[in-house]
Amino acid sequence: MTYILNIKRGLTAIMVTIAYIRPDKHFDAAGEQLQIINSYAIANNMTIDEEVIDHISQNKRLDERFHVTENFQSQEGSTLLVQDVWVLSSNMEDVTEMFSCLLKNNFHVHFIKQSVIISRDSTSMLIFALIDQLRQTLKAKEKKVIGRPKGSKSSSKFDQYISDIIGFIREKKSVSEMARRLEVSRSSLKDYIESRELKQVAFASLLPEVREQSQEELINSIICPNETGANI
């Protein structure tokens, strides 16, 4: 098979809160996205019912990612948590189609980096601003040699346990007890917790700064042809 789609489900429900993670070698690994999403959920008293870690190649177009689209279409009215717009797709045509389908199915999509939530009630300007920000990001990437961003962390075998580890930390369990439960090396687990700053994640201290005027800032970041001076 050419794809791997890991889904960790909670209680069966029609309307659920879904954490969607899609690692990209040019952006952030799964563990980094999970850190931010878990911190966001904790800070906003949200319970994540389902985690979707999508390892389907970034080269795959949306019509080849039917396992993802079918999953979303079957959960109309749900809430989707994503770190950034590029997680949905780094192809402009596909991200536009993804927006359309999610809103058609009455999703509320939380873009954590941008501190905004889109739904059917959102203004068209907010939707276009998110798409334009992705356009600017991809354009900037094309102008330089693409590598992993400074401070970015590679994937780890412990990423699959990150939600469990965060839960253990909040329950104040020792690293030794966590290691026994997960049947992994204590020293390796300790290094993972420290490198990923999971103690801070567990208590929601790693969230991006929430800006009160985030929607206005995002709209003002749109760059028209031949216009300069706007920043992402």
C-alpha atoms as a PDB file:
ATOM      1  CA  MET A   1       0.000   0.000   0.000  1.00  0.00           C
ATOM      2  CA  THR A   2       1.221   3.528  -0.694  1.00  0.00           C
ATOM      3  CA  TYR A   3      -0.406   5.176   2.319  1.00  0.00           C
ATOM      4  CA  ILE A   4      -0.566   4.834   6.081  1.00  0.00           C
ATOM      5  CA  LEU A   5      -3.469   6.393   7.949  1.00  0.00           C
ATOM      6  CA  ASN A   6      -3.469   5.896  11.711  1.00  0.00           C
ATOM      7  CA  ILE A   7      -6.782   6.705  13.427  1.00  0.00           C
ATOM      8  CA  LYS A   8      -7.111   6.578  17.186  1.00  0.00           C
ATOM      9  CA  ARG A   9     -10.791   6.744  18.060  1.00  0.00           C
ATOM     10  CA  GLY A  10     -12.460   7.626  21.300  1.00  0.00           C
ATOM     11  CA  LEU A  11     -16.157   7.227  22.009  1.00  0.00           C
ATOM     12  CA  THR A  12     -18.289   6.684  18.930  1.00  0.00           C
ATOM     13  CA  ALA A  13     -20.165   9.864  18.100  1.00  0.00           C
ATOM     14  CA  ILE A  14     -21.632  11.630  15.108  1.00  0.00           C
ATOM     15  CA  MET A  15     -20.230  15.032  16.071  1.00  0.00           C
ATOM     16  CA  VAL A  16     -16.683  14.694  17.368  1.00  0.00           C
ATOM     17  CA  THR A  17     -13.519  16.703  17.868  1.00  0.00           C
ATOM     18  CA  ILE A  18     -10.808  15.459  15.508  1.00  0.00           C
ATOM     19  CA  ALA A  19      -7.091  16.206  15.704  1.00  0.00           C
ATOM     20  CA  TYR A  20      -5.697  15.982  12.175  1.00  0.00           C
ATOM     21  CA  ILE A  21      -1.935  15.663  11.808  1.00  0.00           C
ATOM     22  CA  ARG A  22      -0.107  15.381   8.506  1.00  0.00           C
ATOM     23  CA  PRO A  23       3.699  15.484   8.790  1.00  0.00           C
ATOM     24  CA  ASP A  24       5.721  17.127   6.048  1.00  0.00           C
ATOM     25  CA  LYS A  25       9.509  16.944   5.705  1.00  0.00           C
ATOM     26  CA  HIS A  26       9.542  20.624   4.679  1.00  0.00           C
ATOM     27  CA  PHE A  27       7.490  21.759   7.679  1.00  0.00           C
ATOM     28  CA  ASP A  28       6.738  20.029  11.000  1.00  0.00           C
ATOM     29  CA  ALA A  29       6.826  16.409  12.143  1.00  0.00           C
ATOM     30  CA  ALA A  30       3.821  14.630  13.659  1.00  0.00           C
ATOM     31  CA  GLY A  31       5.108  14.983  17.216  1.00  0.00           C
ATOM     32  CA  GLU A  32       5.438  18.744  16.938  1.00  0.00           C
ATOM     33  CA  GLN A  33       1.906  19.093  15.588  1.00  0.00           C
ATOM     34  CA  LEU A  34       0.536  16.859  18.340  1.00  0.00           C
ATOM     35  CA  GLN A  35       2.252  19.005  20.967  1.00  0.00           C
ATOM     36  CA  ILE A  36       0.530  22.164  19.818  1.00  0.00           C
ATOM     37  CA  ILE A  37      -2.864  20.519  19.275  1.00  0.00           C
ATOM     38  CA  ASN A  38      -2.882  18.866  22.699  1.00  0.00           C
ATOM     39  CA  SER A  39      -1.880  22.130  24.370  1.00  0.00           C
ATOM     40  CA  TYR A  40      -4.660  23.941  22.502  1.00  0.00           C
ATOM     41  CA  ALA A  41      -7.249  21.347  23.494  1.00  0.00           C
ATOM     42  CA  ILE A  42      -6.218  21.466  27.147  1.00  0.00           C
ATOM     43  CA  ALA A  43      -6.238  25.267  27.238  1.00  0.00           C
ATOM     44  CA  ASN A  44      -9.723  25.375  25.705  1.00  0.00           C
ATOM     45  CA  ASN A  45     -11.218  22.528  27.775  1.00  0.00           C
ATOM     46  CA  MET A  46     -11.727  20.430  24.651  1.00  0.00           C
ATOM     47  CA  THR A  47     -11.720  16.625  24.525  1.00  0.00           C
ATOM     48  CA  ILE A  48     -10.136  15.086  21.428  1.00  0.00           C
ATOM     49  CA  ASP A  49     -12.317  12.160  20.375  1.00  0.00           C
ATOM     50  CA  GLU A  50     -10.270  11.073  17.392  1.00  0.00           C
ATOM     51  CA  GLU A  51      -6.675  11.487  16.245  1.00  0.00           C
ATOM     52  CA  VAL A  52      -5.916  11.134  12.552  1.00  0.00           C
ATOM     53  CA  ILE A  53      -2.201  10.883  11.786  1.00  0.00           C
ATOM     54  CA  ASP A  54      -2.028  10.935   8.017  1.00  0.00           C
ATOM     55  CA  HIS A  55       1.231   9.574   6.590  1.00  0.00           C
ATOM     56  CA  ILE A  56       0.010   9.650   3.005  1.00  0.00           C
ATOM     57  CA  SER A  57       2.705  11.236   0.831  1.00  0.00           C
ATOM     58  CA  GLN A  58       2.478  15.004   0.364  1.00  0.00           C
ATOM     59  CA  ASN A  59       2.774  14.287  -3.359  1.00  0.00           C
ATOM     60  CA  LYS A  60      -0.642  12.618  -3.347  1.00  0.00           C
ATOM     61  CA  ARG A  61      -3.463  14.802  -4.631  1.00  0.00           C
ATOM     62  CA  LEU A  62      -6.774  15.055  -2.785  1.00  0.00           C
ATOM     63  CA  ASP A  63      -8.588  12.640  -5.104  1.00  0.00           C
ATOM     64  CA  GLU A  64      -6.010   9.991  -4.104  1.00  0.00           C
ATOM     65  CA  ARG A  65      -6.562  10.614  -0.378  1.00  0.00           C
ATOM     66  CA  PHE A  66     -10.073   9.172  -0.309  1.00  0.00           C
ATOM     67  CA  HIS A  67      -9.561   7.533   3.102  1.00  0.00           C
ATOM     68  CA  VAL A  68      -9.188  11.023   4.580  1.00  0.00           C
ATOM     69  CA  THR A  69     -12.006  12.663   2.669  1.00  0.00           C
ATOM     70  CA  GLU A  70     -14.417   9.795   3.350  1.00  0.00           C
ATOM     71  CA  ASN A  71     -13.579   9.982   7.056  1.00  0.00           C
ATOM     72  CA  PHE A  72     -14.387  13.700   7.184  1.00  0.00           C
ATOM     73  CA  GLN A  73     -17.561  13.362   5.106  1.00  0.00           C
ATOM     74  CA  SER A  74     -18.901  10.737   7.497  1.00  0.00           C
ATOM     75  CA  GLN A  75     -18.687  13.097  10.487  1.00  0.00           C
ATOM     76  CA  GLU A  76     -20.742  16.102   9.479  1.00  0.00           C
ATOM     77  CA  GLY A  77     -20.920  18.903  12.023  1.00  0.00           C
ATOM     78  CA  SER A  78     -17.697  17.944  13.787  1.00  0.00           C
ATOM     79  CA  THR A  79     -14.754  20.059  14.941  1.00  0.00           C
ATOM     80  CA  LEU A  80     -11.345  19.778  13.275  1.00  0.00           C
ATOM     81  CA  LEU A  81      -8.120  20.864  14.988  1.00  0.00           C
ATOM     82  CA  VAL A  82      -5.104  21.478  12.742  1.00  0.00           C
ATOM     83  CA  GLN A  83      -1.850  23.262  13.400  1.00  0.00           C
ATOM     84  CA  ASP A  84      -1.701  25.199  10.132  1.00  0.00           C
ATOM     85  CA  VAL A  85      -3.341  25.432   6.712  1.00  0.00           C
ATOM     86  CA  TRP A  86      -0.599  23.465   4.914  1.00  0.00           C
ATOM     87  CA  VAL A  87      -1.535  20.390   6.996  1.00  0.00           C
ATOM     88  CA  LEU A  88      -4.703  20.016   4.900  1.00  0.00           C
ATOM     89  CA  SER A  89      -2.675  20.249   1.707  1.00  0.00           C
ATOM     90  CA  SER A  90       0.265  22.134   0.246  1.00  0.00           C
ATOM     91  CA  ASN A  91      -1.443  22.188  -3.156  1.00  0.00           C
ATOM     92  CA  MET A  92      -3.484  25.363  -3.699  1.00  0.00           C
ATOM     93  CA  GLU A  93      -6.214  23.649  -5.727  1.00  0.00           C
ATOM     94  CA  ASP A  94      -6.567  20.874  -3.155  1.00  0.00           C
ATOM     95  CA  VAL A  95      -6.686  23.176  -0.135  1.00  0.00           C
ATOM     96  CA  THR A  96      -9.463  25.198  -1.801  1.00  0.00           C
ATOM     97  CA  GLU A  97     -11.407  21.988  -2.427  1.00  0.00           C
ATOM     98  CA  MET A  98     -10.749  20.812   1.146  1.00  0.00           C
ATOM     99  CA  PHE A  99     -12.079  24.103   2.553  1.00  0.00           C
ATOM    100  CA  SER A 100     -15.184  23.816   0.402  1.00  0.00           C
ATOM    101  CA  CYS A 101     -15.913  20.226   1.432  1.00  0.00           C
ATOM    102  CA  LEU A 102     -15.284  20.804   5.144  1.00  0.00           C
ATOM    103  CA  LEU A 103     -17.594  23.820   5.209  1.00  0.00           C
ATOM    104  CA  LYS A 104     -20.196  22.005   3.107  1.00  0.00           C
ATOM    105  CA  ASN A 105     -20.197  19.302   5.786  1.00  0.00           C
ATOM    106  CA  ASN A 106     -20.624  21.973   8.486  1.00  0.00           C
ATOM    107  CA  PHE A 107     -17.228  21.523  10.136  1.00  0.00           C
ATOM    108  CA  HIS A 108     -15.730  24.060  12.506  1.00  0.00           C
ATOM    109  CA  VAL A 109     -12.013  24.145  11.676  1.00  0.00           C
ATOM    110  CA  HIS A 110      -9.569  25.549  14.244  1.00  0.00           C
ATOM    111  CA  PHE A 111      -6.302  26.787  12.709  1.00  0.00           C
ATOM    112  CA  ILE A 112      -4.125  27.001  15.797  1.00  0.00           C
ATOM    113  CA  LYS A 113      -1.163  28.924  14.385  1.00  0.00           C
ATOM    114  CA  GLN A 114      -3.400  31.641  12.980  1.00  0.00           C
ATOM    115  CA  SER A 115      -5.665  31.720  16.090  1.00  0.00           C
ATOM    116  CA  VAL A 116      -8.797  31.590  13.929  1.00  0.00           C
ATOM    117  CA  ILE A 117     -11.803  29.300  13.510  1.00  0.00           C
ATOM    118  CA  ILE A 118     -13.642  28.952  10.232  1.00  0.00           C
ATOM    119  CA  SER A 119     -17.185  27.709   9.705  1.00  0.00           C
ATOM    120  CA  ARG A 120     -20.078  28.366   7.372  1.00  0.00           C
ATOM    121  CA  ASP A 121     -20.572  31.673   9.193  1.00  0.00           C
ATOM    122  CA  SER A 122     -17.036  32.907   8.448  1.00  0.00           C
ATOM    123  CA  THR A 123     -16.554  35.828   6.069  1.00  0.00           C
ATOM    124  CA  SER A 124     -15.179  35.165   2.624  1.00  0.00           C
ATOM    125  CA  MET A 125     -12.291  37.509   3.439  1.00  0.00           C
ATOM    126  CA  LEU A 126     -11.139  35.248   6.268  1.00  0.00           C
ATOM    127  CA  ILE A 127     -11.243  32.190   3.986  1.00  0.00           C
ATOM    128  CA  PHE A 128      -9.324  33.970   1.233  1.00  0.00           C
ATOM    129  CA  ALA A 129      -6.793  35.296   3.767  1.00  0.00           C
ATOM    130  CA  LEU A 130      -5.974  31.770   4.967  1.00  0.00           C
ATOM    131  CA  ILE A 131      -5.541  30.562   1.391  1.00  0.00           C
ATOM    132  CA  ASP A 132      -3.395  33.582   0.508  1.00  0.00           C
ATOM    133  CA  GLN A 133      -1.173  33.030   3.539  1.00  0.00           C
ATOM    134  CA  LEU A 134      -0.509  29.485   2.345  1.00  0.00           C
ATOM    135  CA  ARG A 135       0.233  30.864  -1.145  1.00  0.00           C
ATOM    136  CA  GLN A 136       2.779  33.262   0.342  1.00  0.00           C
ATOM    137  CA  THR A 137       4.373  30.508   2.417  1.00  0.00           C
ATOM    138  CA  LEU A 138       4.771  28.186  -0.575  1.00  0.00           C
ATOM    139  CA  LYS A 139       6.110  31.018  -2.725  1.00  0.00           C
ATOM    140  CA  ALA A 140       8.714  31.863  -0.080  1.00  0.00           C
ATOM    141  CA  LYS A 141       9.740  28.198   0.090  1.00  0.00           C
ATOM    142  CA  GLU A 142      10.339  28.151  -3.656  1.00  0.00           C
ATOM    143  CA  LYS A 143      12.858  30.994  -3.377  1.00  0.00           C
ATOM    144  CA  LYS A 144      15.254  29.150  -1.109  1.00  0.00           C
ATOM    145  CA  VAL A 145      16.687  25.697  -0.616  1.00  0.00           C
ATOM    146  CA  ILE A 146      14.109  23.828   1.388  1.00  0.00           C
ATOM    147  CA  GLY A 147      15.249  22.094   4.547  1.00  0.00           C
ATOM    148  CA  ARG A 148      13.796  21.373   7.940  1.00  0.00           C
ATOM    149  CA  PRO A 149      13.132  24.604   9.845  1.00  0.00           C
ATOM    150  CA  LYS A 150      15.498  25.594  12.634  1.00  0.00           C
ATOM    151  CA  GLY A 151      14.633  23.766  15.819  1.00  0.00           C
ATOM    152  CA  SER A 152      12.385  21.277  14.047  1.00  0.00           C
ATOM    153  CA  LYS A 153      12.438  17.725  15.366  1.00  0.00           C
ATOM    154  CA  SER A 154      12.387  14.528  13.357  1.00  0.00           C
ATOM    155  CA  SER A 155       9.758  11.851  13.828  1.00  0.00           C
ATOM    156  CA  SER A 156      10.183   9.451  16.739  1.00  0.00           C
ATOM    157  CA  LYS A 157       8.913   5.966  17.525  1.00  0.00           C
ATOM    158  CA  PHE A 158       7.367   7.541  20.639  1.00  0.00           C
ATOM    159  CA  ASP A 159       5.116   9.883  18.610  1.00  0.00           C
ATOM    160  CA  GLN A 160       2.423   7.193  18.523  1.00  0.00           C
ATOM    161  CA  TYR A 161       2.267   7.293  22.337  1.00  0.00           C
ATOM    162  CA  ILE A 162       2.281  11.073  22.756  1.00  0.00           C
ATOM    163  CA  SER A 163      -1.336  11.383  23.914  1.00  0.00           C
ATOM    164  CA  ASP A 164      -0.820   8.600  26.466  1.00  0.00           C
ATOM    165  CA  ILE A 165       2.415  10.189  27.698  1.00  0.00           C
ATOM    166  CA  ILE A 166       0.755  13.575  28.132  1.00  0.00           C
ATOM    167  CA  GLY A 167      -2.034  11.887  30.082  1.00  0.00           C
ATOM    168  CA  PHE A 168       0.499  10.139  32.331  1.00  0.00           C
ATOM    169  CA  ILE A 169       2.290  13.429  32.989  1.00  0.00           C
ATOM    170  CA  ARG A 170      -0.950  15.117  33.975  1.00  0.00           C
ATOM    171  CA  GLU A 171      -1.606  12.200  36.329  1.00  0.00           C
ATOM    172  CA  LYS A 172       1.898  12.817  37.780  1.00  0.00           C
ATOM    173  CA  LYS A 173       3.151   9.341  36.999  1.00  0.00           C
ATOM    174  CA  SER A 174       6.906   8.745  37.096  1.00  0.00           C
ATOM    175  CA  VAL A 175       8.918   8.134  33.941  1.00  0.00           C
ATOM    176  CA  SER A 176       9.652   4.621  35.210  1.00  0.00           C
ATOM    177  CA  GLU A 177       5.950   3.828  35.506  1.00  0.00           C
ATOM    178  CA  MET A 178       5.238   5.289  32.069  1.00  0.00           C
ATOM    179  CA  ALA A 179       8.028   3.184  30.571  1.00  0.00           C
ATOM    180  CA  ARG A 180       6.660   0.019  32.179  1.00  0.00           C
ATOM    181  CA  ARG A 181       3.151   0.683  30.881  1.00  0.00           C
ATOM    182  CA  LEU A 182       4.366   1.430  27.368  1.00  0.00           C
ATOM    183  CA  GLU A 183       6.992  -1.333  27.474  1.00  0.00           C
ATOM    184  CA  VAL A 184       9.773   0.975  26.323  1.00  0.00           C
ATOM    185  CA  SER A 185      13.197   2.053  27.556  1.00  0.00           C
ATOM    186  CA  ARG A 186      13.039   4.450  30.503  1.00  0.00           C
ATOM    187  CA  SER A 187      16.084   6.449  29.403  1.00  0.00           C
ATOM    188  CA  SER A 188      14.833   6.823  25.829  1.00  0.00           C
ATOM    189  CA  LEU A 189      11.390   7.862  27.054  1.00  0.00           C
ATOM    190  CA  LYS A 190      12.923  10.397  29.439  1.00  0.00           C
ATOM    191  CA  ASP A 191      14.949  11.914  26.590  1.00  0.00           C
ATOM    192  CA  TYR A 192      11.821  12.072  24.413  1.00  0.00           C
ATOM    193  CA  ILE A 193       9.771  13.830  27.111  1.00  0.00           C
ATOM    194  CA  GLU A 194      12.512  16.392  27.664  1.00  0.00           C
ATOM    195  CA  SER A 195      13.278  17.031  23.983  1.00  0.00           C
ATOM    196  CA  ARG A 196       9.582  17.449  23.148  1.00  0.00           C
ATOM    197  CA  GLU A 197       8.949  19.547  26.278  1.00  0.00           C
ATOM    198  CA  LEU A 198       5.957  17.363  27.057  1.00  0.00           C
ATOM    199  CA  LYS A 199       5.674  18.550  30.652  1.00  0.00           C
ATOM    200  CA  GLN A 200       5.002  22.033  29.298  1.00  0.00           C
ATOM    201  CA  VAL A 201       2.636  20.604  26.711  1.00  0.00           C
ATOM    202  CA  ALA A 202       0.688  18.750  29.409  1.00  0.00           C
ATOM    203  CA  PHE A 203      -0.092  22.002  31.130  1.00  0.00           C
ATOM    204  CA  ALA A 204      -0.748  24.053  28.004  1.00  0.00           C
ATOM    205  CA  SER A 205       2.271  26.337  28.246  1.00  0.00           C
ATOM    206  CA  LEU A 206       3.540  25.888  24.674  1.00  0.00           C
ATOM    207  CA  LEU A 207       0.659  27.493  22.796  1.00  0.00           C
ATOM    208  CA  PRO A 208       1.350  30.209  20.250  1.00  0.00           C
ATOM    209  CA  GLU A 209       0.424  33.624  21.577  1.00  0.00           C
ATOM    210  CA  VAL A 210      -3.288  34.246  21.023  1.00  0.00           C
ATOM    211  CA  ARG A 211      -3.800  37.572  19.284  1.00  0.00           C
ATOM    212  CA  GLU A 212      -7.063  39.406  19.924  1.00  0.00           C
ATOM    213  CA  GLN A 213      -7.047  40.882  16.418  1.00  0.00           C
ATOM    214  CA  SER A 214      -5.973  37.671  14.675  1.00  0.00           C
ATOM    215  CA  GLN A 215      -8.664  37.795  11.968  1.00  0.00           C
ATOM    216  CA  GLU A 216      -7.864  41.402  11.077  1.00  0.00           C
ATOM    217  CA  GLU A 217      -4.134  40.681  11.063  1.00  0.00           C
ATOM    218  CA  LEU A 218      -4.663  37.699   8.792  1.00  0.00           C
ATOM    219  CA  ILE A 219      -6.797  39.673   6.337  1.00  0.00           C
ATOM    220  CA  ASN A 220      -4.279  42.525   6.322  1.00  0.00           C
ATOM    221  CA  SER A 221      -1.528  40.033   5.455  1.00  0.00           C
ATOM    222  CA  ILE A 222      -3.025  39.438   1.991  1.00  0.00           C
ATOM    223  CA  ILE A 223      -0.613  40.566  -0.730  1.00  0.00           C
ATOM    224  CA  CYS A 224      -2.056  41.739  -4.016  1.00  0.00           C
ATOM    225  CA  PRO A 225      -0.082  41.553  -7.306  1.00  0.00           C
ATOM    226  CA  ASN A 226       2.859  44.002  -7.331  1.00  0.00           C
ATOM    227  CA  GLU A 227       2.169  44.942  -3.713  1.00  0.00           C
ATOM    228  CA  THR A 228       4.971  44.891  -1.146  1.00  0.00           C
ATOM    229  CA  GLY A 229       5.274  45.401   2.584  1.00  0.00           C
ATOM    230  CA  ALA A 230       2.850  42.755   3.870  1.00  0.00           C
ATOM    231  CA  ASN A 231       4.173  39.975   6.052  1.00  0.00           C
ATOM    232  CA  ILE A 232       2.928  36.481   6.770  1.00  0.00           C
END
